[in-house]
Amino acid sequence: MTIGIVDTVGYSLPHKFGQLIADIRSNTPGIENTIITTHCHNDLGLAVANTLEVEEYSGMLPQVQPHKAIVGANAFSHESGIH
């Protein structure tokens, strides 16, 4: 089973979005066998923050690709001119 949690208007604050997922995980029987997905819009510039909060509360660390700019684990492992 998959549960999709969406912020289609980009309005959720990160701590509230993370808490929503934590609450769903705490109160849904059988959730351990369920894939939790999210879909965050960036209307108010909160999509990355909500996604990183979702990553923490969903218990699916690390899901941000390591090569993702700024937030990925490898984001600063390469400098211009050094190959």
N, C-alpha and C. Protein backbone atom coordinates (compact mmCIF):
# COMPACT_ATOMS: atom_id res chain seq x y z
N MET A 1 0.84 -1.16 0.00
CA MET A 1 0.00 0.00 0.00
C MET A 1 0.90 1.24 0.00
N THR A 2 0.42 2.29 -0.63
CA THR A 2 1.12 3.57 -0.67
C THR A 2 0.18 4.66 -0.19
N ILE A 3 0.70 5.54 0.66
CA ILE A 3 -0.05 6.71 1.10
C ILE A 3 0.67 7.93 0.56
N GLY A 4 -0.04 8.76 -0.19
CA GLY A 4 0.54 10.00 -0.71
C GLY A 4 0.07 11.18 0.10
N ILE A 5 1.02 11.95 0.61
CA ILE A 5 0.71 13.14 1.39
C ILE A 5 1.14 14.33 0.55
N VAL A 6 0.20 15.21 0.25
CA VAL A 6 0.49 16.30 -0.67
C VAL A 6 0.30 17.67 -0.03
N ASP A 7 1.08 18.60 -0.50
CA ASP A 7 0.92 20.01 -0.16
C ASP A 7 0.78 20.73 -1.50
N THR A 8 -0.41 20.64 -2.08
CA THR A 8 -0.60 21.10 -3.45
C THR A 8 -0.60 22.61 -3.62
N VAL A 9 -0.73 23.35 -2.54
CA VAL A 9 -0.67 24.80 -2.65
C VAL A 9 0.61 25.37 -2.04
N GLY A 10 1.49 24.50 -1.55
CA GLY A 10 2.77 24.96 -1.01
C GLY A 10 2.63 25.81 0.23
N TYR A 11 1.62 25.54 1.03
CA TYR A 11 1.28 26.38 2.17
C TYR A 11 1.77 25.83 3.51
N SER A 12 2.04 24.55 3.61
CA SER A 12 2.41 23.94 4.88
C SER A 12 3.76 24.43 5.37
N LEU A 13 3.86 24.64 6.67
CA LEU A 13 5.14 24.95 7.29
C LEU A 13 5.86 23.64 7.58
N PRO A 14 7.19 23.63 7.48
CA PRO A 14 7.92 22.37 7.63
C PRO A 14 7.60 21.60 8.91
N HIS A 15 7.56 22.27 10.06
CA HIS A 15 7.30 21.52 11.30
C HIS A 15 5.89 20.94 11.32
N LYS A 16 4.94 21.63 10.71
CA LYS A 16 3.57 21.10 10.64
C LYS A 16 3.47 19.93 9.66
N PHE A 17 4.17 20.04 8.52
CA PHE A 17 4.15 18.97 7.54
C PHE A 17 4.82 17.73 8.10
N GLY A 18 5.95 17.92 8.78
CA GLY A 18 6.63 16.79 9.41
C GLY A 18 5.78 16.15 10.49
N GLN A 19 5.10 16.98 11.28
CA GLN A 19 4.25 16.45 12.35
C GLN A 19 3.07 15.68 11.77
N LEU A 20 2.53 16.13 10.65
CA LEU A 20 1.45 15.41 9.99
C LEU A 20 1.89 13.99 9.65
N ILE A 21 3.07 13.87 9.09
CA ILE A 21 3.58 12.55 8.72
C ILE A 21 3.86 11.71 9.97
N ALA A 22 4.43 12.34 10.98
CA ALA A 22 4.68 11.62 12.24
C ALA A 22 3.37 11.12 12.84
N ASP A 23 2.33 11.94 12.80
CA ASP A 23 1.02 11.53 13.32
C ASP A 23 0.43 10.38 12.52
N ILE A 24 0.56 10.46 11.21
CA ILE A 24 0.05 9.36 10.37
C ILE A 24 0.80 8.08 10.68
N ARG A 25 2.11 8.17 10.84
CA ARG A 25 2.90 6.96 11.17
C ARG A 25 2.53 6.40 12.53
N SER A 26 2.22 7.26 13.48
CA SER A 26 1.89 6.82 14.84
C SER A 26 0.49 6.24 14.97
N ASN A 27 -0.42 6.66 14.10
CA ASN A 27 -1.83 6.33 14.28
C ASN A 27 -2.44 5.47 13.18
N THR A 28 -1.61 4.92 12.31
CA THR A 28 -2.13 4.11 11.21
C THR A 28 -1.69 2.66 11.37
N PRO A 29 -2.62 1.77 11.70
CA PRO A 29 -2.25 0.36 11.83
C PRO A 29 -1.70 -0.18 10.50
N GLY A 30 -0.63 -0.94 10.58
CA GLY A 30 -0.02 -1.54 9.40
C GLY A 30 0.88 -0.61 8.61
N ILE A 31 1.16 0.57 9.15
CA ILE A 31 1.95 1.56 8.42
C ILE A 31 3.36 1.06 8.12
N GLU A 32 3.84 0.12 8.91
CA GLU A 32 5.20 -0.40 8.68
C GLU A 32 5.32 -1.12 7.34
N ASN A 33 4.21 -1.51 6.77
CA ASN A 33 4.20 -2.16 5.46
C ASN A 33 3.73 -1.23 4.34
N THR A 34 3.76 0.06 4.62
CA THR A 34 3.23 1.06 3.69
C THR A 34 4.34 1.99 3.23
N ILE A 35 4.29 2.34 1.97
CA ILE A 35 5.21 3.34 1.42
C ILE A 35 4.56 4.70 1.59
N ILE A 36 5.29 5.64 2.19
CA ILE A 36 4.79 7.00 2.35
C ILE A 36 5.47 7.86 1.28
N THR A 37 4.65 8.53 0.48
CA THR A 37 5.20 9.44 -0.52
C THR A 37 4.71 10.85 -0.23
N THR A 38 5.44 11.83 -0.74
CA THR A 38 5.03 13.22 -0.58
C THR A 38 5.12 13.93 -1.92
N HIS A 39 4.37 14.98 -2.02
CA HIS A 39 4.39 15.83 -3.21
C HIS A 39 4.25 17.26 -2.71
N CYS A 40 5.35 17.99 -2.72
CA CYS A 40 5.36 19.35 -2.17
C CYS A 40 5.48 20.37 -3.29
N HIS A 41 4.61 21.37 -3.27
CA HIS A 41 4.70 22.48 -4.21
C HIS A 41 5.50 23.61 -3.58
N ASN A 42 6.00 24.50 -4.40
CA ASN A 42 6.90 25.53 -3.93
C ASN A 42 6.31 26.94 -4.03
N ASP A 43 5.00 27.06 -3.96
CA ASP A 43 4.35 28.35 -4.11
C ASP A 43 4.89 29.40 -3.14
N LEU A 44 5.17 29.00 -1.93
CA LEU A 44 5.70 29.92 -0.92
C LEU A 44 7.16 29.64 -0.59
N GLY A 45 7.84 28.87 -1.44
CA GLY A 45 9.26 28.59 -1.24
C GLY A 45 9.54 27.58 -0.14
N LEU A 46 8.59 26.72 0.17
CA LEU A 46 8.74 25.78 1.29
C LEU A 46 8.92 24.33 0.86
N ALA A 47 8.95 24.05 -0.43
CA ALA A 47 8.98 22.67 -0.89
C ALA A 47 10.22 21.92 -0.41
N VAL A 48 11.39 22.53 -0.52
CA VAL A 48 12.62 21.85 -0.09
C VAL A 48 12.60 21.64 1.41
N ALA A 49 12.23 22.67 2.15
CA ALA A 49 12.17 22.55 3.61
C ALA A 49 11.18 21.47 4.03
N ASN A 50 10.01 21.44 3.40
CA ASN A 50 9.02 20.42 3.74
C ASN A 50 9.52 19.03 3.37
N THR A 51 10.19 18.90 2.25
CA THR A 51 10.72 17.61 1.83
C THR A 51 11.78 17.11 2.80
N LEU A 52 12.65 17.98 3.24
CA LEU A 52 13.68 17.58 4.19
C LEU A 52 13.07 17.23 5.55
N GLU A 53 12.01 17.96 5.95
CA GLU A 53 11.30 17.65 7.19
C GLU A 53 10.64 16.31 7.08
N VAL A 54 9.92 16.04 5.82
CA VAL A 54 9.23 14.79 5.50
C VAL A 54 10.19 13.63 5.62
N GLU A 55 11.48 13.88 5.04
CA GLU A 55 12.51 12.84 5.06
C GLU A 55 12.80 12.42 6.49
N GLU A 56 12.90 13.40 7.40
CA GLU A 56 13.20 13.09 8.81
C GLU A 56 12.04 12.34 9.47
N TYR A 57 10.82 12.82 9.30
CA TYR A 57 9.67 12.22 9.98
C TYR A 57 9.17 10.94 9.33
N SER A 58 9.45 10.78 8.05
CA SER A 58 8.99 9.55 7.40
C SER A 58 9.83 8.35 7.80
N GLY A 59 11.01 8.63 8.36
CA GLY A 59 11.91 7.54 8.76
C GLY A 59 12.63 6.92 7.58
N MET A 60 12.64 7.60 6.47
CA MET A 60 13.26 7.06 5.27
C MET A 60 14.53 7.83 4.94
N LEU A 61 15.45 7.86 5.86
CA LEU A 61 16.72 8.56 5.66
C LEU A 61 17.73 7.66 4.98
N PRO A 62 18.60 8.10 4.18
CA PRO A 62 18.53 9.37 3.45
C PRO A 62 17.88 9.15 2.10
N GLN A 63 16.91 9.92 1.77
CA GLN A 63 16.22 9.79 0.50
C GLN A 63 16.56 10.91 -0.48
N VAL A 64 17.08 12.02 0.02
CA VAL A 64 17.51 13.07 -0.90
C VAL A 64 18.73 12.56 -1.63
N GLN A 65 18.72 12.64 -2.95
CA GLN A 65 19.85 12.13 -3.72
C GLN A 65 21.13 12.83 -3.28
N PRO A 66 22.22 12.08 -3.14
CA PRO A 66 23.46 12.67 -2.65
C PRO A 66 24.01 13.78 -3.55
N HIS A 67 23.68 13.76 -4.82
CA HIS A 67 24.20 14.77 -5.74
C HIS A 67 23.30 16.00 -5.86
N LYS A 68 22.20 16.06 -5.10
CA LYS A 68 21.28 17.18 -5.17
C LYS A 68 21.98 18.45 -4.68
N ALA A 69 21.84 19.52 -5.46
CA ALA A 69 22.48 20.79 -5.10
C ALA A 69 22.04 21.27 -3.72
N ILE A 70 22.96 21.85 -3.00
CA ILE A 70 22.78 22.47 -1.69
C ILE A 70 22.46 21.49 -0.57
N VAL A 71 21.51 20.59 -0.74
CA VAL A 71 21.05 19.74 0.36
C VAL A 71 21.57 18.30 0.30
N GLY A 72 22.12 17.88 -0.82
CA GLY A 72 22.62 16.51 -0.94
C GLY A 72 23.92 16.31 -0.19
N ALA A 73 24.17 15.08 0.22
CA ALA A 73 25.38 14.77 0.99
C ALA A 73 26.66 15.11 0.22
N ASN A 74 26.62 15.01 -1.11
CA ASN A 74 27.80 15.30 -1.93
C ASN A 74 27.79 16.70 -2.52
N ALA A 75 26.90 17.55 -2.07
CA ALA A 75 26.72 18.88 -2.67
C ALA A 75 28.00 19.70 -2.72
N PHE A 76 28.84 19.56 -1.73
CA PHE A 76 30.05 20.38 -1.69
C PHE A 76 31.32 19.54 -1.81
N SER A 77 31.19 18.36 -2.41
CA SER A 77 32.37 17.50 -2.54
C SER A 77 33.18 17.80 -3.80
N HIS A 78 32.71 18.72 -4.60
CA HIS A 78 33.40 19.09 -5.83
C HIS A 78 33.55 20.60 -5.89
N GLU A 79 34.73 21.05 -6.21
CA GLU A 79 34.96 22.49 -6.37
C GLU A 79 35.39 22.77 -7.78
N SER A 80 35.08 23.93 -8.25
CA SER A 80 35.45 24.34 -9.60
C SER A 80 36.96 24.22 -9.78
N GLY A 81 37.38 23.59 -10.87
CA GLY A 81 38.79 23.47 -11.18
C GLY A 81 39.47 22.28 -10.56
N ILE A 82 38.80 21.57 -9.66
CA ILE A 82 39.38 20.39 -9.02
C ILE A 82 38.62 19.17 -9.51
N HIS A 83 39.26 18.33 -10.31
CA HIS A 83 38.59 17.15 -10.84
C HIS A 83 39.35 15.91 -10.46
